[in-house]
Protein backbone atom coordinates (compact mmCIF):
# COMPACT_ATOMS: atom_id res chain seq x y z
CA UNK A 1 0.00 0.00 0.00
CA UNK A 2 1.33 3.46 -0.89
CA UNK A 3 0.78 6.15 1.73
CA UNK A 4 -0.97 9.12 0.19
CA UNK A 5 -3.75 11.54 1.12
CA UNK A 6 -7.27 10.13 1.04
CA UNK A 7 -10.04 11.25 -1.30
CA UNK A 8 -12.61 11.33 1.53
CA UNK A 9 -14.07 14.35 3.24
CA UNK A 10 -13.47 15.47 6.82
CA UNK A 11 -15.23 13.25 9.34
CA UNK A 12 -16.40 10.66 6.83
CA UNK A 13 -14.26 7.65 6.14
CA UNK A 14 -14.68 3.90 5.89
CA UNK A 15 -16.29 1.91 8.67
CA UNK A 16 -13.93 -0.37 10.59
CA UNK A 17 -15.11 -3.97 10.52
CA UNK A 18 -15.98 -5.73 13.77
CA UNK A 19 -13.00 -7.38 15.51
CA UNK A 20 -12.37 -10.95 14.41
CA UNK A 21 -12.10 -13.60 17.16
CA UNK A 22 -8.38 -14.08 16.50
CA UNK A 23 -7.50 -10.41 16.02
CA UNK A 24 -4.02 -9.17 16.93
CA UNK A 25 -3.72 -7.01 20.06
CA UNK A 26 -2.28 -3.59 19.16
CA UNK A 27 0.12 -2.03 21.69
CA UNK A 28 -1.45 1.38 22.38
CA UNK A 29 0.33 4.06 24.39
CA UNK A 30 -0.66 7.47 25.71
CA UNK A 31 -0.71 10.11 22.98
CA UNK A 32 2.28 12.41 22.79
CA UNK A 33 2.20 16.05 21.81
CA UNK A 34 1.46 16.37 18.09
CA UNK A 35 4.35 17.15 15.80
CA UNK A 36 4.47 20.50 14.01
CA UNK A 37 4.24 18.91 10.57
CA UNK A 38 1.82 16.06 11.25
CA UNK A 39 -0.30 14.90 8.31
CA UNK A 40 -3.43 12.78 8.68
CA UNK A 41 -3.57 10.55 5.60
CA UNK A 42 -6.64 8.45 6.35
CA UNK A 43 -9.35 8.22 8.99
CA UNK A 44 -12.35 6.07 9.76
CA UNK A 45 -15.95 7.27 9.95
CA UNK A 46 -16.79 9.41 12.97
CA UNK A 47 -20.24 7.79 13.28
CA UNK A 48 -18.56 4.87 15.11
CA UNK A 49 -17.57 5.00 18.80
CA UNK A 50 -13.86 4.70 18.01
CA UNK A 51 -12.18 6.70 15.27
CA UNK A 52 -8.78 5.74 13.90
CA UNK A 53 -6.34 8.08 12.13
CA UNK A 54 -3.37 7.10 9.98
CA UNK A 55 -0.77 9.80 10.60
CA UNK A 56 2.64 10.55 9.13
CA UNK A 57 5.21 12.89 10.67
CA UNK A 58 8.97 13.19 10.67
CA UNK A 59 9.47 10.44 8.11
CA UNK A 60 7.54 7.86 10.14
CA UNK A 61 3.91 6.90 10.65
CA UNK A 62 1.59 5.89 13.47
CA UNK A 63 -2.07 5.23 14.16
CA UNK A 64 -4.09 7.26 16.60
CA UNK A 65 -7.34 6.07 18.23
CA UNK A 66 -9.90 8.25 19.96
CA UNK A 67 -13.56 8.31 20.88
CA UNK A 68 -16.07 10.14 23.06
CA UNK A 69 -14.97 9.93 26.69
CA UNK A 70 -11.89 7.89 25.76
CA UNK A 71 -8.31 9.02 26.09
CA UNK A 72 -6.47 9.45 22.80
CA UNK A 73 -3.87 6.73 22.30
CA UNK A 74 -1.28 6.05 19.62
CA UNK A 75 0.89 3.26 18.34
CA UNK A 76 4.65 3.59 18.41
CA UNK A 77 6.22 5.40 15.45
CA UNK A 78 7.16 2.98 12.69
CA UNK A 79 8.23 2.78 9.07
CA UNK A 80 5.55 3.64 6.51
CA UNK A 81 5.24 0.08 5.21
CA UNK A 82 4.66 -1.21 8.76
CA UNK A 83 2.03 1.38 9.65
CA UNK A 84 0.24 0.83 6.31
CA UNK A 85 0.05 -2.91 7.06
CA UNK A 86 -1.25 -2.27 10.58
CA UNK A 87 -3.84 0.22 9.26
CA UNK A 88 -5.18 -2.46 6.94
CA UNK A 89 -5.37 -5.03 9.76
CA UNK A 90 -7.31 -2.60 11.98
CA UNK A 91 -9.64 -1.61 9.16
CA UNK A 92 -10.40 -5.27 8.39
CA UNK A 93 -11.04 -6.16 12.05
CA UNK A 94 -7.91 -8.31 12.25
CA UNK A 95 -6.19 -6.06 14.85
CA UNK A 96 -7.42 -3.93 17.77
PDB file of N, CA and C in Angstrom:
ATOM      1  N   UNK A   1       0.844  -1.167   0.000  1.00  0.00           N
ATOM      2  CA  UNK A   1       0.000   0.000   0.000  1.00  0.00           C
ATOM      3  C   UNK A   1       0.897   1.241   0.000  1.00  0.00           C
ATOM      4  N   UNK A   2       0.605   2.200  -0.845  1.00  0.00           N
ATOM      5  CA  UNK A   2       1.332   3.458  -0.890  1.00  0.00           C
ATOM      6  C   UNK A   2       0.636   4.461   0.009  1.00  0.00           C
ATOM      7  N   UNK A   3       1.381   5.159   0.857  1.00  0.00           N
ATOM      8  CA  UNK A   3       0.784   6.150   1.733  1.00  0.00           C
ATOM      9  C   UNK A   3       0.608   7.450   0.978  1.00  0.00           C
ATOM     10  N   UNK A   4      -0.645   7.860   0.836  1.00  0.00           N
ATOM     11  CA  UNK A   4      -0.969   9.125   0.189  1.00  0.00           C
ATOM     12  C   UNK A   4      -2.255   9.655   0.799  1.00  0.00           C
ATOM     13  N   UNK A   5      -2.553  10.917   0.554  1.00  0.00           N
ATOM     14  CA  UNK A   5      -3.751  11.536   1.119  1.00  0.00           C
ATOM     15  C   UNK A   5      -5.000  10.835   0.593  1.00  0.00           C
ATOM     16  N   UNK A   6      -6.024  10.775   1.414  1.00  0.00           N
ATOM     17  CA  UNK A   6      -7.272  10.130   1.040  1.00  0.00           C
ATOM     18  C   UNK A   6      -8.135  11.044   0.173  1.00  0.00           C
ATOM     19  N   UNK A   7      -9.098  10.471  -0.500  1.00  0.00           N
ATOM     20  CA  UNK A   7     -10.036  11.247  -1.300  1.00  0.00           C
ATOM     21  C   UNK A   7     -11.315  11.541  -0.527  1.00  0.00           C
ATOM     22  N   UNK A   8     -11.407  11.133   0.725  1.00  0.00           N
ATOM     23  CA  UNK A   8     -12.609  11.326   1.527  1.00  0.00           C
ATOM     24  C   UNK A   8     -12.777  12.768   1.958  1.00  0.00           C
ATOM     25  N   UNK A   9     -13.842  13.011   2.698  1.00  0.00           N
ATOM     26  CA  UNK A   9     -14.070  14.350   3.236  1.00  0.00           C
ATOM     27  C   UNK A   9     -13.925  14.285   4.752  1.00  0.00           C
ATOM     28  N   UNK A  10     -13.712  15.423   5.373  1.00  0.00           N
ATOM     29  CA  UNK A  10     -13.470  15.474   6.816  1.00  0.00           C
ATOM     30  C   UNK A  10     -14.606  14.800   7.576  1.00  0.00           C
ATOM     31  N   UNK A  11     -14.247  13.900   8.478  1.00  0.00           N
ATOM     32  CA  UNK A  11     -15.229  13.255   9.337  1.00  0.00           C
ATOM     33  C   UNK A  11     -15.890  12.026   8.746  1.00  0.00           C
ATOM     34  N   UNK A  12     -15.756  11.817   7.440  1.00  0.00           N
ATOM     35  CA  UNK A  12     -16.403  10.655   6.835  1.00  0.00           C
ATOM     36  C   UNK A  12     -15.356   9.790   6.161  1.00  0.00           C
ATOM     37  N   UNK A  13     -15.210   8.606   6.685  1.00  0.00           N
ATOM     38  CA  UNK A  13     -14.259   7.653   6.138  1.00  0.00           C
ATOM     39  C   UNK A  13     -14.890   6.282   6.162  1.00  0.00           C
ATOM     40  N   UNK A  14     -14.121   5.251   5.890  1.00  0.00           N
ATOM     41  CA  UNK A  14     -14.683   3.899   5.885  1.00  0.00           C
ATOM     42  C   UNK A  14     -15.027   3.448   7.304  1.00  0.00           C
ATOM     43  N   UNK A  15     -15.945   2.513   7.391  1.00  0.00           N
ATOM     44  CA  UNK A  15     -16.293   1.906   8.670  1.00  0.00           C
ATOM     45  C   UNK A  15     -15.343   0.754   8.953  1.00  0.00           C
ATOM     46  N   UNK A  16     -14.810   0.722  10.166  1.00  0.00           N
ATOM     47  CA  UNK A  16     -13.932  -0.368  10.591  1.00  0.00           C
ATOM     48  C   UNK A  16     -14.802  -1.599  10.822  1.00  0.00           C
ATOM     49  N   UNK A  17     -14.365  -2.735  10.324  1.00  0.00           N
ATOM     50  CA  UNK A  17     -15.112  -3.970  10.517  1.00  0.00           C
ATOM     51  C   UNK A  17     -15.010  -4.418  11.976  1.00  0.00           C
ATOM     52  N   UNK A  18     -15.970  -5.202  12.401  1.00  0.00           N
ATOM     53  CA  UNK A  18     -15.978  -5.727  13.767  1.00  0.00           C
ATOM     54  C   UNK A  18     -14.731  -6.581  13.997  1.00  0.00           C
ATOM     55  N   UNK A  19     -14.198  -6.574  15.234  1.00  0.00           N
ATOM     56  CA  UNK A  19     -12.998  -7.377  15.507  1.00  0.00           C
ATOM     57  C   UNK A  19     -13.248  -8.864  15.275  1.00  0.00           C
ATOM     58  N   UNK A  20     -12.311  -9.510  14.632  1.00  0.00           N
ATOM     59  CA  UNK A  20     -12.370 -10.954  14.409  1.00  0.00           C
ATOM     60  C   UNK A  20     -11.961 -11.665  15.704  1.00  0.00           C
ATOM     61  N   UNK A  21     -12.432 -12.887  15.920  1.00  0.00           N
ATOM     62  CA  UNK A  21     -12.101 -13.604  17.159  1.00  0.00           C
ATOM     63  C   UNK A  21     -10.592 -13.760  17.395  1.00  0.00           C
ATOM     64  N   UNK A  22      -9.817 -13.867  16.351  1.00  0.00           N
ATOM     65  CA  UNK A  22      -8.378 -14.078  16.497  1.00  0.00           C
ATOM     66  C   UNK A  22      -7.575 -12.811  16.183  1.00  0.00           C
ATOM     67  N   UNK A  23      -8.183 -11.650  16.391  1.00  0.00           N
ATOM     68  CA  UNK A  23      -7.498 -10.408  16.019  1.00  0.00           C
ATOM     69  C   UNK A  23      -6.258 -10.160  16.882  1.00  0.00           C
ATOM     70  N   UNK A  24      -5.290  -9.497  16.287  1.00  0.00           N
ATOM     71  CA  UNK A  24      -4.024  -9.170  16.934  1.00  0.00           C
ATOM     72  C   UNK A  24      -4.243  -8.015  17.904  1.00  0.00           C
ATOM     73  N   UNK A  25      -3.622  -8.080  19.069  1.00  0.00           N
ATOM     74  CA  UNK A  25      -3.719  -7.011  20.055  1.00  0.00           C
ATOM     75  C   UNK A  25      -2.691  -5.923  19.728  1.00  0.00           C
ATOM     76  N   UNK A  26      -3.165  -4.715  19.456  1.00  0.00           N
ATOM     77  CA  UNK A  26      -2.277  -3.591  19.158  1.00  0.00           C
ATOM     78  C   UNK A  26      -1.755  -3.014  20.474  1.00  0.00           C
ATOM     79  N   UNK A  27      -0.484  -2.658  20.508  1.00  0.00           N
ATOM     80  CA  UNK A  27       0.117  -2.034  21.686  1.00  0.00           C
ATOM     81  C   UNK A  27      -0.131  -0.524  21.619  1.00  0.00           C
ATOM     82  N   UNK A  28      -1.124  -0.046  22.353  1.00  0.00           N
ATOM     83  CA  UNK A  28      -1.454   1.377  22.383  1.00  0.00           C
ATOM     84  C   UNK A  28      -0.706   2.030  23.531  1.00  0.00           C
ATOM     85  N   UNK A  29      -0.343   3.285  23.347  1.00  0.00           N
ATOM     86  CA  UNK A  29       0.326   4.060  24.389  1.00  0.00           C
ATOM     87  C   UNK A  29      -0.306   5.442  24.449  1.00  0.00           C
ATOM     88  N   UNK A  30      -0.102   6.125  25.556  1.00  0.00           N
ATOM     89  CA  UNK A  30      -0.663   7.474  25.706  1.00  0.00           C
ATOM     90  C   UNK A  30      -0.181   8.363  24.567  1.00  0.00           C
ATOM     91  N   UNK A  31      -1.058   9.212  24.081  1.00  0.00           N
ATOM     92  CA  UNK A  31      -0.709  10.110  22.977  1.00  0.00           C
ATOM     93  C   UNK A  31       0.337  11.125  23.422  1.00  0.00           C
ATOM     94  N   UNK A  32       1.263  11.394  22.537  1.00  0.00           N
ATOM     95  CA  UNK A  32       2.280  12.410  22.793  1.00  0.00           C
ATOM     96  C   UNK A  32       1.828  13.705  22.135  1.00  0.00           C
ATOM     97  N   UNK A  33       2.523  14.763  22.420  1.00  0.00           N
ATOM     98  CA  UNK A  33       2.199  16.050  21.812  1.00  0.00           C
ATOM     99  C   UNK A  33       2.372  15.936  20.298  1.00  0.00           C
ATOM    100  N   UNK A  34       1.422  16.469  19.551  1.00  0.00           N
ATOM    101  CA  UNK A  34       1.463  16.373  18.086  1.00  0.00           C
ATOM    102  C   UNK A  34       2.662  17.116  17.511  1.00  0.00           C
ATOM    103  N   UNK A  35       3.231  16.528  16.490  1.00  0.00           N
ATOM    104  CA  UNK A  35       4.351  17.152  15.796  1.00  0.00           C
ATOM    105  C   UNK A  35       3.880  18.386  15.033  1.00  0.00           C
ATOM    106  N   UNK A  36       4.804  19.283  14.749  1.00  0.00           N
ATOM    107  CA  UNK A  36       4.468  20.504  14.014  1.00  0.00           C
ATOM    108  C   UNK A  36       3.988  20.207  12.594  1.00  0.00           C
ATOM    109  N   UNK A  37       4.559  19.206  11.964  1.00  0.00           N
ATOM    110  CA  UNK A  37       4.235  18.913  10.572  1.00  0.00           C
ATOM    111  C   UNK A  37       3.541  17.567  10.427  1.00  0.00           C
ATOM    112  N   UNK A  38       2.594  17.297  11.253  1.00  0.00           N
ATOM    113  CA  UNK A  38       1.817  16.060  11.247  1.00  0.00           C
ATOM    114  C   UNK A  38       0.821  16.106  10.085  1.00  0.00           C
ATOM    115  N   UNK A  39       0.657  14.976   9.419  1.00  0.00           N
ATOM    116  CA  UNK A  39      -0.298  14.904   8.308  1.00  0.00           C
ATOM    117  C   UNK A  39      -1.175  13.677   8.482  1.00  0.00           C
ATOM    118  N   UNK A  40      -2.478  13.883   8.569  1.00  0.00           N
ATOM    119  CA  UNK A  40      -3.431  12.780   8.679  1.00  0.00           C
ATOM    120  C   UNK A  40      -3.751  12.323   7.258  1.00  0.00           C
ATOM    121  N   UNK A  41      -3.379  11.074   6.946  1.00  0.00           N
ATOM    122  CA  UNK A  41      -3.571  10.546   5.600  1.00  0.00           C
ATOM    123  C   UNK A  41      -4.923   9.878   5.417  1.00  0.00           C
ATOM    124  N   UNK A  42      -5.368   9.159   6.432  1.00  0.00           N
ATOM    125  CA  UNK A  42      -6.644   8.454   6.354  1.00  0.00           C
ATOM    126  C   UNK A  42      -7.296   8.470   7.727  1.00  0.00           C
ATOM    127  N   UNK A  43      -8.595   8.272   7.741  1.00  0.00           N
ATOM    128  CA  UNK A  43      -9.349   8.215   8.985  1.00  0.00           C
ATOM    129  C   UNK A  43     -10.571   7.362   8.762  1.00  0.00           C
ATOM    130  N   UNK A  44     -11.135   6.870   9.852  1.00  0.00           N
ATOM    131  CA  UNK A  44     -12.352   6.072   9.763  1.00  0.00           C
ATOM    132  C   UNK A  44     -13.541   6.961  10.093  1.00  0.00           C
ATOM    133  N   UNK A  45     -14.726   6.475   9.798  1.00  0.00           N
ATOM    134  CA  UNK A  45     -15.947   7.267   9.949  1.00  0.00           C
ATOM    135  C   UNK A  45     -16.194   7.651  11.410  1.00  0.00           C
ATOM    136  N   UNK A  46     -16.541   8.893  11.620  1.00  0.00           N
ATOM    137  CA  UNK A  46     -16.787   9.405  12.969  1.00  0.00           C
ATOM    138  C   UNK A  46     -18.149   9.006  13.525  1.00  0.00           C
ATOM    139  N   UNK A  47     -18.942   8.246  12.753  1.00  0.00           N
ATOM    140  CA  UNK A  47     -20.236   7.786  13.279  1.00  0.00           C
ATOM    141  C   UNK A  47     -20.056   6.588  14.212  1.00  0.00           C
ATOM    142  N   UNK A  48     -18.863   6.007  14.236  1.00  0.00           N
ATOM    143  CA  UNK A  48     -18.565   4.872  15.109  1.00  0.00           C
ATOM    144  C   UNK A  48     -17.982   5.363  16.430  1.00  0.00           C
ATOM    145  N   UNK A  49     -18.079   4.555  17.494  1.00  0.00           N
ATOM    146  CA  UNK A  49     -17.572   5.001  18.798  1.00  0.00           C
ATOM    147  C   UNK A  49     -16.067   5.255  18.820  1.00  0.00           C
ATOM    148  N   UNK A  50     -15.306   4.495  18.073  1.00  0.00           N
ATOM    149  CA  UNK A  50     -13.858   4.702  18.008  1.00  0.00           C
ATOM    150  C   UNK A  50     -13.497   5.166  16.607  1.00  0.00           C
ATOM    151  N   UNK A  51     -12.663   6.187  16.555  1.00  0.00           N
ATOM    152  CA  UNK A  51     -12.180   6.703  15.275  1.00  0.00           C
ATOM    153  C   UNK A  51     -10.673   6.491  15.233  1.00  0.00           C
ATOM    154  N   UNK A  52     -10.195   6.005  14.105  1.00  0.00           N
ATOM    155  CA  UNK A  52      -8.777   5.739  13.899  1.00  0.00           C
ATOM    156  C   UNK A  52      -8.240   6.700  12.850  1.00  0.00           C
ATOM    157  N   UNK A  53      -7.010   7.172  13.066  1.00  0.00           N
ATOM    158  CA  UNK A  53      -6.345   8.080  12.130  1.00  0.00           C
ATOM    159  C   UNK A  53      -4.996   7.503  11.757  1.00  0.00           C
ATOM    160  N   UNK A  54      -4.692   7.485  10.474  1.00  0.00           N
ATOM    161  CA  UNK A  54      -3.370   7.100   9.980  1.00  0.00           C
ATOM    162  C   UNK A  54      -2.587   8.390   9.788  1.00  0.00           C
ATOM    163  N   UNK A  55      -1.506   8.534  10.539  1.00  0.00           N
ATOM    164  CA  UNK A  55      -0.772   9.798  10.600  1.00  0.00           C
ATOM    165  C   UNK A  55       0.671   9.576  10.155  1.00  0.00           C
ATOM    166  N   UNK A  56       1.228  10.564   9.475  1.00  0.00           N
ATOM    167  CA  UNK A  56       2.639  10.548   9.134  1.00  0.00           C
ATOM    168  C   UNK A  56       3.268  11.843   9.640  1.00  0.00           C
ATOM    169  N   UNK A  57       4.482  11.726  10.146  1.00  0.00           N
ATOM    170  CA  UNK A  57       5.208  12.889  10.674  1.00  0.00           C
ATOM    171  C   UNK A  57       6.671  12.508  10.830  1.00  0.00           C
ATOM    172  N   UNK A  58       7.541  13.412  10.466  1.00  0.00           N
ATOM    173  CA  UNK A  58       8.973  13.188  10.673  1.00  0.00           C
ATOM    174  C   UNK A  58       9.518  11.953   9.992  1.00  0.00           C
ATOM    175  N   UNK A  59       8.963  11.588   8.839  1.00  0.00           N
ATOM    176  CA  UNK A  59       9.467  10.439   8.110  1.00  0.00           C
ATOM    177  C   UNK A  59       8.979   9.093   8.616  1.00  0.00           C
ATOM    178  N   UNK A  60       8.097   9.095   9.603  1.00  0.00           N
ATOM    179  CA  UNK A  60       7.536   7.856  10.136  1.00  0.00           C
ATOM    180  C   UNK A  60       6.021   7.989  10.203  1.00  0.00           C
ATOM    181  N   UNK A  61       5.357   6.892  10.535  1.00  0.00           N
ATOM    182  CA  UNK A  61       3.912   6.902  10.652  1.00  0.00           C
ATOM    183  C   UNK A  61       3.457   6.262  11.943  1.00  0.00           C
ATOM    184  N   UNK A  62       2.206   6.521  12.297  1.00  0.00           N
ATOM    185  CA  UNK A  62       1.594   5.893  13.467  1.00  0.00           C
ATOM    186  C   UNK A  62       0.082   5.963  13.316  1.00  0.00           C
ATOM    187  N   UNK A  63      -0.611   5.220  14.152  1.00  0.00           N
ATOM    188  CA  UNK A  63      -2.070   5.228  14.160  1.00  0.00           C
ATOM    189  C   UNK A  63      -2.524   5.786  15.486  1.00  0.00           C
ATOM    190  N   UNK A  64      -3.522   6.636  15.414  1.00  0.00           N
ATOM    191  CA  UNK A  64      -4.089   7.260  16.601  1.00  0.00           C
ATOM    192  C   UNK A  64      -5.531   6.773  16.729  1.00  0.00           C
ATOM    193  N   UNK A  65      -5.973   6.532  17.963  1.00  0.00           N
ATOM    194  CA  UNK A  65      -7.338   6.069  18.232  1.00  0.00           C
ATOM    195  C   UNK A  65      -7.967   6.983  19.270  1.00  0.00           C
ATOM    196  N   UNK A  66      -9.191   7.392  19.015  1.00  0.00           N
ATOM    197  CA  UNK A  66      -9.896   8.252  19.959  1.00  0.00           C
ATOM    198  C   UNK A  66     -11.396   8.003  19.865  1.00  0.00           C
ATOM    199  N   UNK A  67     -12.109   8.447  20.864  1.00  0.00           N
ATOM    200  CA  UNK A  67     -13.558   8.310  20.875  1.00  0.00           C
ATOM    201  C   UNK A  67     -14.134   9.136  22.004  1.00  0.00           C
ATOM    202  N   UNK A  68     -15.456   9.332  22.014  1.00  0.00           N
ATOM    203  CA  UNK A  68     -16.072  10.138  23.062  1.00  0.00           C
ATOM    204  C   UNK A  68     -15.795   9.552  24.449  1.00  0.00           C
ATOM    205  N   UNK A  69     -15.261  10.363  25.324  1.00  0.00           N
ATOM    206  CA  UNK A  69     -14.968   9.931  26.687  1.00  0.00           C
ATOM    207  C   UNK A  69     -13.751   9.033  26.815  1.00  0.00           C
ATOM    208  N   UNK A  70     -13.070   8.756  25.723  1.00  0.00           N
ATOM    209  CA  UNK A  70     -11.886   7.890  25.760  1.00  0.00           C
ATOM    210  C   UNK A  70     -10.632   8.727  25.583  1.00  0.00           C
ATOM    211  N   UNK A  71      -9.586   8.339  26.261  1.00  0.00           N
ATOM    212  CA  UNK A  71      -8.306   9.021  26.090  1.00  0.00           C
ATOM    213  C   UNK A  71      -7.753   8.707  24.702  1.00  0.00           C
ATOM    214  N   UNK A  72      -7.118   9.670  24.092  1.00  0.00           N
ATOM    215  CA  UNK A  72      -6.475   9.447  22.800  1.00  0.00           C
ATOM    216  C   UNK A  72      -5.201   8.646  23.008  1.00  0.00           C
ATOM    217  N   UNK A  73      -5.054   7.577  22.231  1.00  0.00           N
ATOM    218  CA  UNK A  73      -3.872   6.730  22.304  1.00  0.00           C
ATOM    219  C   UNK A  73      -3.265   6.597  20.914  1.00  0.00           C
ATOM    220  N   UNK A  74      -2.000   6.181  20.878  1.00  0.00           N
ATOM    221  CA  UNK A  74      -1.279   6.046  19.620  1.00  0.00           C
ATOM    222  C   UNK A  74      -0.442   4.778  19.639  1.00  0.00           C
ATOM    223  N   UNK A  75      -0.097   4.329  18.446  1.00  0.00           N
ATOM    224  CA  UNK A  75       0.889   3.262  18.338  1.00  0.00           C
ATOM    225  C   UNK A  75       2.268   3.911  18.397  1.00  0.00           C
ATOM    226  N   UNK A  76       3.281   3.086  18.513  1.00  0.00           N
ATOM    227  CA  UNK A  76       4.655   3.587  18.407  1.00  0.00           C
ATOM    228  C   UNK A  76       4.875   4.083  16.980  1.00  0.00           C
ATOM    229  N   UNK A  77       5.845   4.950  16.797  1.00  0.00           N
ATOM    230  CA  UNK A  77       6.223   5.398  15.450  1.00  0.00           C
ATOM    231  C   UNK A  77       6.888   4.224  14.749  1.00  0.00           C
ATOM    232  N   UNK A  78       6.606   4.080  13.467  1.00  0.00           N
ATOM    233  CA  UNK A  78       7.159   2.976  12.691  1.00  0.00           C
ATOM    234  C   UNK A  78       7.344   3.377  11.238  1.00  0.00           C
ATOM    235  N   UNK A  79       8.028   2.522  10.496  1.00  0.00           N
ATOM    236  CA  UNK A  79       8.225   2.782   9.067  1.00  0.00           C
ATOM    237  C   UNK A  79       6.881   2.794   8.353  1.00  0.00           C
ATOM    238  N   UNK A  80       6.808   3.499   7.238  1.00  0.00           N
ATOM    239  CA  UNK A  80       5.549   3.642   6.508  1.00  0.00           C
ATOM    240  C   UNK A  80       4.948   2.313   6.086  1.00  0.00           C
ATOM    241  N   UNK A  81       5.761   1.380   5.640  1.00  0.00           N
ATOM    242  CA  UNK A  81       5.236   0.084   5.211  1.00  0.00           C
ATOM    243  C   UNK A  81       4.611  -0.656   6.391  1.00  0.00           C
ATOM    244  N   UNK A  82       5.199  -0.547   7.567  1.00  0.00           N
ATOM    245  CA  UNK A  82       4.660  -1.213   8.759  1.00  0.00           C
ATOM    246  C   UNK A  82       3.339  -0.595   9.193  1.00  0.00           C
ATOM    247  N   UNK A  83       3.264   0.724   9.207  1.00  0.00           N
ATOM    248  CA  UNK A  83       2.030   1.378   9.646  1.00  0.00           C
ATOM    249  C   UNK A  83       0.912   1.169   8.620  1.00  0.00           C
ATOM    250  N   UNK A  84       1.253   1.096   7.343  1.00  0.00           N
ATOM    251  CA  UNK A  84       0.243   0.825   6.314  1.00  0.00           C
ATOM    252  C   UNK A  84      -0.337  -0.578   6.498  1.00  0.00           C
ATOM    253  N   UNK A  85       0.518  -1.548   6.809  1.00  0.00           N
ATOM    254  CA  UNK A  85       0.046  -2.911   7.059  1.00  0.00           C
ATOM    255  C   UNK A  85      -0.854  -2.964   8.294  1.00  0.00           C
ATOM    256  N   UNK A  86      -0.453  -2.286   9.364  1.00  0.00           N
ATOM    257  CA  UNK A  86      -1.254  -2.265  10.585  1.00  0.00           C
ATOM    258  C   UNK A  86      -2.590  -1.580  10.347  1.00  0.00           C
ATOM    259  N   UNK A  87      -2.594  -0.489   9.592  1.00  0.00           N
ATOM    260  CA  UNK A  87      -3.840   0.216   9.262  1.00  0.00           C
ATOM    261  C   UNK A  87      -4.815  -0.745   8.578  1.00  0.00           C
ATOM    262  N   UNK A  88      -4.330  -1.516   7.643  1.00  0.00           N
ATOM    263  CA  UNK A  88      -5.185  -2.460   6.937  1.00  0.00           C
ATOM    264  C   UNK A  88      -5.736  -3.521   7.889  1.00  0.00           C
ATOM    265  N   UNK A  89      -4.906  -4.033   8.799  1.00  0.00           N
ATOM    266  CA  UNK A  89      -5.369  -5.026   9.765  1.00  0.00           C
ATOM    267  C   UNK A  89      -6.464  -4.459  10.662  1.00  0.00           C
ATOM    268  N   UNK A  90      -6.291  -3.234  11.131  1.00  0.00           N
ATOM    269  CA  UNK A  90      -7.305  -2.598  11.980  1.00  0.00           C
ATOM    270  C   UNK A  90      -8.594  -2.416  11.195  1.00  0.00           C
ATOM    271  N   UNK A  91      -8.479  -1.885  10.000  1.00  0.00           N
ATOM    272  CA  UNK A  91      -9.638  -1.606   9.161  1.00  0.00           C
ATOM    273  C   UNK A  91     -10.431  -2.874   8.858  1.00  0.00           C
ATOM    274  N   UNK A  92      -9.739  -4.004   8.707  1.00  0.00           N
ATOM    275  CA  UNK A  92     -10.399  -5.270   8.391  1.00  0.00           C
ATOM    276  C   UNK A  92     -10.854  -6.045   9.633  1.00  0.00           C
ATOM    277  N   UNK A  93     -10.632  -5.483  10.820  1.00  0.00           N
ATOM    278  CA  UNK A  93     -11.039  -6.160  12.054  1.00  0.00           C
ATOM    279  C   UNK A  93     -10.080  -7.249  12.491  1.00  0.00           C
ATOM    280  N   UNK A  94      -8.886  -7.268  11.920  1.00  0.00           N
ATOM    281  CA  UNK A  94      -7.913  -8.309  12.250  1.00  0.00           C
ATOM    282  C   UNK A  94      -6.917  -7.846  13.301  1.00  0.00           C
ATOM    283  N   UNK A  95      -7.045  -6.594  13.764  1.00  0.00           N
ATOM    284  CA  UNK A  95      -6.192  -6.065  14.850  1.00  0.00           C
ATOM    285  C   UNK A  95      -7.011  -5.039  15.613  1.00  0.00           C
ATOM    286  N   UNK A  96      -6.772  -4.938  16.922  1.00  0.00           N
ATOM    287  CA  UNK A  96      -7.424  -3.930  17.775  1.00  0.00           C
ATOM    288  C   UNK A  96      -6.470  -3.546  18.846  1.00  0.00           C
TER     289      UNK A  96
END
